[in-house]
N, C-alpha and C. Protein backbone atom coordinates (compact mmCIF):
# COMPACT_ATOMS: atom_id res chain seq x y z
N UNK A 1 0.87 -0.92 0.00
CA UNK A 1 -0.26 0.04 -0.06
C UNK A 1 0.95 1.01 -0.06
N UNK A 2 1.95 0.82 0.93
CA UNK A 2 3.05 2.54 0.82
C UNK A 2 3.43 2.94 -0.38
N UNK A 3 3.90 1.52 -0.84
CA UNK A 3 4.41 1.66 -2.56
C UNK A 3 3.79 2.29 -3.15
N UNK A 4 2.64 2.06 -3.28
CA UNK A 4 1.37 2.31 -4.07
C UNK A 4 1.48 3.75 -4.04
N UNK A 5 1.25 4.57 -2.85
CA UNK A 5 1.24 5.79 -2.85
C UNK A 5 2.55 6.29 -2.90
N UNK A 6 3.77 5.83 -2.56
CA UNK A 6 4.81 6.95 -3.20
C UNK A 6 5.35 6.71 -4.16
N UNK A 7 4.45 5.25 -5.37
CA UNK A 7 5.04 5.93 -6.47
C UNK A 7 3.73 5.96 -7.65
N UNK A 8 2.60 6.90 -7.10
CA UNK A 8 1.68 7.26 -7.56
C UNK A 8 2.16 8.51 -8.47
N UNK A 9 1.60 9.11 -9.37
CA UNK A 9 1.58 10.17 -10.26
C UNK A 9 0.79 11.06 -9.83
N UNK A 10 0.95 12.32 -8.76
CA UNK A 10 -0.07 12.92 -8.29
C UNK A 10 -0.71 13.96 -9.45
N UNK A 11 -0.46 13.68 -10.30
CA UNK A 11 -0.94 14.57 -11.79
C UNK A 11 -2.02 14.18 -12.75
N UNK A 12 -1.27 12.59 -12.88
CA UNK A 12 -2.05 11.51 -13.34
C UNK A 12 -1.96 11.59 -14.53
N UNK A 13 -0.92 11.96 -15.20
CA UNK A 13 -0.59 12.28 -16.90
C UNK A 13 0.51 11.64 -17.20
N UNK A 14 1.29 11.06 -16.31
CA UNK A 14 2.06 9.75 -17.28
C UNK A 14 1.95 8.68 -16.78
N UNK A 15 1.02 8.68 -15.20
CA UNK A 15 0.75 6.81 -14.83
C UNK A 15 -0.42 7.20 -14.15
N UNK A 16 -1.44 7.03 -14.92
CA UNK A 16 -3.33 7.20 -14.07
C UNK A 16 -3.41 6.57 -12.85
N UNK A 17 -4.04 6.50 -12.27
CA UNK A 17 -4.09 5.68 -11.32
C UNK A 17 -5.17 4.69 -11.48
N UNK A 18 -4.34 3.45 -10.22
CA UNK A 18 -5.12 1.97 -10.56
C UNK A 18 -6.53 2.35 -9.88
N UNK A 19 -7.57 1.09 -10.42
CA UNK A 19 -8.67 1.04 -9.44
C UNK A 19 -8.64 1.46 -8.14
N UNK A 20 -7.91 0.42 -8.01
CA UNK A 20 -7.88 0.32 -5.78
C UNK A 20 -7.47 2.12 -5.89
N UNK A 21 -6.75 2.38 -6.44
CA UNK A 21 -6.60 3.67 -5.73
C UNK A 21 -7.50 5.11 -5.50
N UNK A 22 -8.30 5.04 -6.93
CA UNK A 22 -9.34 5.61 -6.64
C UNK A 22 -10.30 5.23 -5.86
N UNK A 23 -10.09 4.10 -5.55
CA UNK A 23 -11.53 3.53 -4.72
C UNK A 23 -10.90 3.84 -2.90
N UNK A 24 -9.73 4.06 -2.67
CA UNK A 24 -9.10 4.58 -1.61
C UNK A 24 -9.19 6.23 -1.36
N UNK A 25 -9.01 6.41 -2.80
CA UNK A 25 -9.04 8.00 -2.55
C UNK A 25 -10.79 8.54 -2.25
N UNK A 26 -11.81 7.67 -2.82
CA UNK A 26 -12.64 8.39 -2.24
C UNK A 26 -13.01 8.11 -0.88
N UNK A 27 -12.91 6.73 -0.50
CA UNK A 27 -12.66 6.65 0.63
C UNK A 27 -12.61 7.37 2.04
N UNK A 28 -10.97 7.76 1.52
CA UNK A 28 -10.29 9.36 2.34
C UNK A 28 -10.96 10.32 2.20
N UNK A 29 -11.72 10.89 1.15
CA UNK A 29 -12.34 11.59 0.72
C UNK A 29 -13.58 12.13 1.65
N UNK A 30 -14.40 10.56 1.76
CA UNK A 30 -15.77 10.20 2.12
C UNK A 30 -15.04 10.40 4.16
N UNK A 31 -14.11 10.72 4.48
CA UNK A 31 -13.91 10.69 5.89
C UNK A 31 -13.29 12.19 6.32
N UNK A 32 -13.20 12.93 5.20
CA UNK A 32 -13.32 14.29 5.97
C UNK A 32 -14.38 15.01 6.74
N UNK A 33 -15.48 14.86 6.67
CA UNK A 33 -16.54 15.47 7.37
C UNK A 33 -16.62 14.99 9.11
N UNK A 34 -15.88 14.15 9.17
CA UNK A 34 -16.09 13.25 10.41
C UNK A 34 -14.18 13.65 10.82
N UNK A 35 -13.49 13.74 9.82
CA UNK A 35 -12.03 14.58 10.73
C UNK A 35 -12.23 15.72 11.10
N UNK A 36 -13.50 16.27 10.24
CA UNK A 36 -13.02 18.16 10.59
C UNK A 36 -13.98 18.01 11.64
N UNK A 37 -14.94 16.98 12.10
CA UNK A 37 -16.22 17.25 13.02
C UNK A 37 -15.28 17.15 14.77
N UNK A 38 -14.08 15.86 14.29
CA UNK A 38 -13.02 15.84 15.23
C UNK A 38 -12.09 16.60 15.72
N UNK A 39 -11.79 17.21 14.49
CA UNK A 39 -10.55 18.36 14.38
C UNK A 39 -11.64 19.08 15.74
N UNK A 40 -12.50 19.92 15.01
CA UNK A 40 -13.42 20.81 16.10
C UNK A 40 -13.55 20.74 17.57
N UNK A 41 -13.52 19.34 17.90
CA UNK A 41 -13.94 18.84 19.23
C UNK A 41 -12.59 18.93 19.99
N UNK A 42 -11.42 18.54 19.33
CA UNK A 42 -10.28 19.34 19.89
C UNK A 42 -9.81 20.68 19.76
N UNK A 43 -10.28 21.31 19.20
CA UNK A 43 -9.92 22.83 18.99
C UNK A 43 -10.61 23.27 19.89
N UNK A 44 -11.98 22.89 20.12
CA UNK A 44 -12.76 23.25 21.59
C UNK A 44 -12.02 23.26 22.73
N UNK A 45 -11.80 22.14 23.11
CA UNK A 45 -11.20 21.71 23.90
C UNK A 45 -9.83 22.15 24.44
N UNK A 46 -8.90 22.34 23.27
CA UNK A 46 -7.99 23.09 23.82
C UNK A 46 -7.66 24.28 23.70
N UNK A 47 -9.26 25.10 23.47
CA UNK A 47 -9.27 26.39 23.87
C UNK A 47 -9.33 26.42 25.54
N UNK A 48 -10.52 25.68 25.95
CA UNK A 48 -11.41 25.55 27.34
C UNK A 48 -9.59 25.71 28.06
N UNK A 49 -9.23 24.50 27.91
CA UNK A 49 -8.02 24.15 28.59
C UNK A 49 -6.84 25.42 28.33
N UNK A 50 -6.71 25.94 27.57
CA UNK A 50 -6.02 27.22 27.71
C UNK A 50 -6.33 28.99 28.34
N UNK A 51 -7.34 28.60 28.49
CA UNK A 51 -8.32 29.24 28.68
C UNK A 51 -8.12 29.11 30.24
N UNK A 52 -8.21 27.95 30.66
CA UNK A 52 -8.37 27.58 31.76
C UNK A 52 -6.86 27.56 33.07
N UNK A 53 -5.53 27.03 31.68
CA UNK A 53 -4.23 27.27 32.09
C UNK A 53 -3.98 29.23 32.23
N UNK A 54 -4.78 29.88 32.06
CA UNK A 54 -4.61 31.64 31.65
C UNK A 54 -4.74 31.88 33.13
N UNK A 55 -6.03 31.13 33.81
CA UNK A 55 -6.78 31.91 34.72
C UNK A 55 -5.85 31.25 36.15
N UNK A 56 -5.38 30.09 35.64
CA UNK A 56 -4.65 29.21 37.08
C UNK A 56 -3.03 30.43 36.96
N UNK A 57 -2.50 30.58 35.65
CA UNK A 57 -1.35 31.51 35.93
C UNK A 57 -1.89 33.05 37.11
N UNK A 58 -2.94 33.10 36.77
CA UNK A 58 -3.34 34.47 36.74
C UNK A 58 -3.32 34.45 38.34
N UNK A 59 -3.92 33.44 38.50
CA UNK A 59 -4.28 33.19 40.43
C UNK A 59 -2.67 33.09 40.85
N UNK A 60 -2.04 32.03 40.27
CA UNK A 60 -0.46 32.21 40.77
C UNK A 60 -0.11 33.56 41.18
N UNK A 61 -0.02 34.00 39.90
CA UNK A 61 1.18 35.35 40.12
C UNK A 61 0.31 36.64 41.38
N UNK A 62 -1.24 36.73 41.04
CA UNK A 62 -1.74 37.07 42.49
C UNK A 62 -1.42 36.42 43.84
N UNK A 63 -0.94 35.93 43.93
CA UNK A 63 -0.46 34.92 45.60
C UNK A 63 0.41 35.41 45.89
N UNK A 64 1.11 35.18 44.23
CA UNK A 64 2.89 35.66 44.40
C UNK A 64 3.31 37.28 45.28
N UNK A 65 1.82 38.32 44.64
CA UNK A 65 2.18 39.41 44.67
C UNK A 65 1.66 39.89 45.98
N UNK A 66 0.73 39.44 46.01
CA UNK A 66 0.25 39.58 47.64
C UNK A 66 0.96 38.81 48.89
N UNK A 67 1.50 37.82 48.95
CA UNK A 67 2.77 37.10 49.61
C UNK A 67 3.88 38.10 49.60
N UNK A 68 3.88 38.94 48.49
CA UNK A 68 5.39 40.00 48.92
C UNK A 68 4.88 41.38 49.64
N UNK A 69 3.51 41.81 49.39
CA UNK A 69 3.19 42.97 49.58
C UNK A 69 2.19 42.95 51.11
N UNK A 70 1.69 41.92 50.72
CA UNK A 70 0.81 42.15 52.53
C UNK A 70 1.91 41.89 53.90
N UNK A 71 2.11 42.65 54.57
CA UNK A 71 2.80 42.10 55.80
C UNK A 71 2.04 40.95 56.64
N UNK A 72 3.23 40.36 57.43
CA UNK A 72 2.76 38.95 57.90
C UNK A 72 1.94 39.48 59.37
N UNK A 73 0.93 38.80 59.66
CA UNK A 73 1.08 38.80 60.95
C UNK A 73 1.61 39.40 61.90
N UNK A 74 1.53 39.62 63.28
CA UNK A 74 2.41 39.77 64.47
C UNK A 74 2.64 39.02 65.08
N UNK A 75 1.57 37.75 65.16
CA UNK A 75 2.00 36.48 66.18
C UNK A 75 2.57 35.28 64.94
N UNK A 76 2.68 35.53 63.63
CA UNK A 76 3.46 34.87 62.92
C UNK A 76 4.75 35.32 62.52
N UNK A 77 4.65 36.90 62.53
CA UNK A 77 6.25 37.17 62.63
C UNK A 77 7.08 37.12 63.88
N UNK A 78 6.43 36.01 64.88
CA UNK A 78 6.90 36.19 66.01
C UNK A 78 7.49 34.68 66.07
N UNK A 79 6.57 33.93 65.49
CA UNK A 79 6.91 32.43 65.27
C UNK A 79 7.72 32.31 64.33
N UNK A 80 7.99 32.70 63.23
CA UNK A 80 9.21 32.94 62.46
C UNK A 80 10.15 33.19 62.83
N UNK A 81 10.36 34.54 63.71
CA UNK A 81 12.04 34.62 63.98
C UNK A 81 12.40 34.03 65.33
N UNK A 82 11.71 33.23 66.03
CA UNK A 82 11.96 32.18 66.67
C UNK A 82 11.50 32.83 68.34
N UNK A 83 10.87 33.91 68.10
CA UNK A 83 10.20 34.51 69.40
C UNK A 83 9.07 33.97 69.77
N UNK A 84 9.27 33.54 71.01
CA UNK A 84 8.38 32.73 71.89
C UNK A 84 8.12 33.10 73.14
N UNK A 85 6.73 33.80 73.26
CA UNK A 85 6.17 35.06 74.22
C UNK A 85 6.14 34.45 75.56
N UNK A 86 5.77 33.36 75.45
CA UNK A 86 5.54 32.21 76.99
C UNK A 86 6.83 32.12 77.66
N UNK A 87 7.72 31.77 76.47
CA UNK A 87 8.97 31.49 77.21
C UNK A 87 9.68 32.80 77.81
N UNK A 88 9.47 33.98 77.20
CA UNK A 88 9.86 35.31 78.03
C UNK A 88 9.08 34.85 78.84
N UNK A 89 7.76 34.77 79.02
CA UNK A 89 7.31 35.46 80.58
C UNK A 89 7.45 34.27 81.63
N UNK A 90 7.84 33.22 81.41
CA UNK A 90 8.75 32.58 82.17
C UNK A 90 9.42 32.83 83.73
N UNK A 91 9.32 33.04 84.57
CA UNK A 91 10.19 33.61 85.42
C UNK A 91 11.58 32.93 85.54
N UNK A 92 12.69 33.29 85.92
CA UNK A 92 13.88 33.38 86.14
C UNK A 92 13.62 32.45 88.36
N UNK A 93 14.53 31.01 88.80
CA UNK A 93 14.35 31.23 89.85
C UNK A 93 14.67 32.38 90.79
N UNK A 94 14.13 32.56 91.17
CA UNK A 94 14.11 33.55 92.53
C UNK A 94 13.54 35.34 91.98
N UNK A 95 12.91 35.16 90.61
CA UNK A 95 12.62 36.38 90.52
C UNK A 95 11.06 36.72 91.44
N UNK A 96 10.35 37.47 91.47
CA UNK A 96 9.57 37.75 91.91
C UNK A 96 8.34 38.32 90.62
N UNK A 97 7.36 37.84 90.73
CA UNK A 97 6.21 38.66 89.83
C UNK A 97 5.68 40.14 89.91
N UNK A 98 6.00 40.88 89.27
CA UNK A 98 5.70 42.25 89.23
C UNK A 98 4.72 42.70 89.22
N UNK A 99 4.03 43.36 89.99
CA UNK A 99 2.73 44.00 90.06
C UNK A 99 2.07 44.90 89.22
N UNK A 100 0.98 45.26 88.76
CA UNK A 100 0.62 46.18 87.67
C UNK A 100 -0.41 46.41 88.13
N UNK A 101 -1.46 47.46 87.76
CA UNK A 101 -2.68 47.55 87.74
C UNK A 101 -3.59 46.51 87.20
N UNK A 102 -2.99 45.66 86.27
CA UNK A 102 -4.08 44.63 85.60
C UNK A 102 -3.48 43.48 86.42
N UNK A 103 -2.76 43.08 87.30
CA UNK A 103 -2.45 41.44 87.92
C UNK A 103 -3.60 42.02 89.12
N UNK A 104 -4.09 41.15 89.39
CA UNK A 104 -4.98 40.84 90.90
C UNK A 104 -3.86 40.79 91.96
N UNK A 105 -4.45 41.32 92.81
CA UNK A 105 -3.70 41.59 94.34
C UNK A 105 -3.07 40.36 94.86
N UNK A 106 -4.02 39.11 94.87
CA UNK A 106 -3.29 38.07 95.65
C UNK A 106 -2.48 37.62 94.99
N UNK A 107 -2.35 37.72 93.45
CA UNK A 107 -0.72 37.41 92.78
C UNK A 107 0.87 37.94 93.50
N UNK A 108 0.21 39.29 93.89
CA UNK A 108 1.77 39.94 94.43
C UNK A 108 2.09 39.84 95.59
N UNK A 109 2.88 39.86 95.85
CA UNK A 109 3.21 39.01 97.14
C UNK A 109 4.14 40.53 97.30
């Protein structure tokens, strides 16, 4: 079959097509509308996927921009810097708690 296609004369002037080649050509022409319909489906799906890809890339870029611009919350900054407020409030041995207007009098000695 491949040999027939390779040795065929596209103009048909020097060597006319065989009956088998003419039948195959007609079969191929009959498949044209089916092929066009399938290509249209594929093109439509490809366009949808390209649109989704664009939206995902825009969202990712927006995320990166927000992460650069938005200041971190105070509690998050403390945990990122290694600062632990609970450990800094722990008393060292021998130290007395400080009395302020926010502490209960029973807590102050």
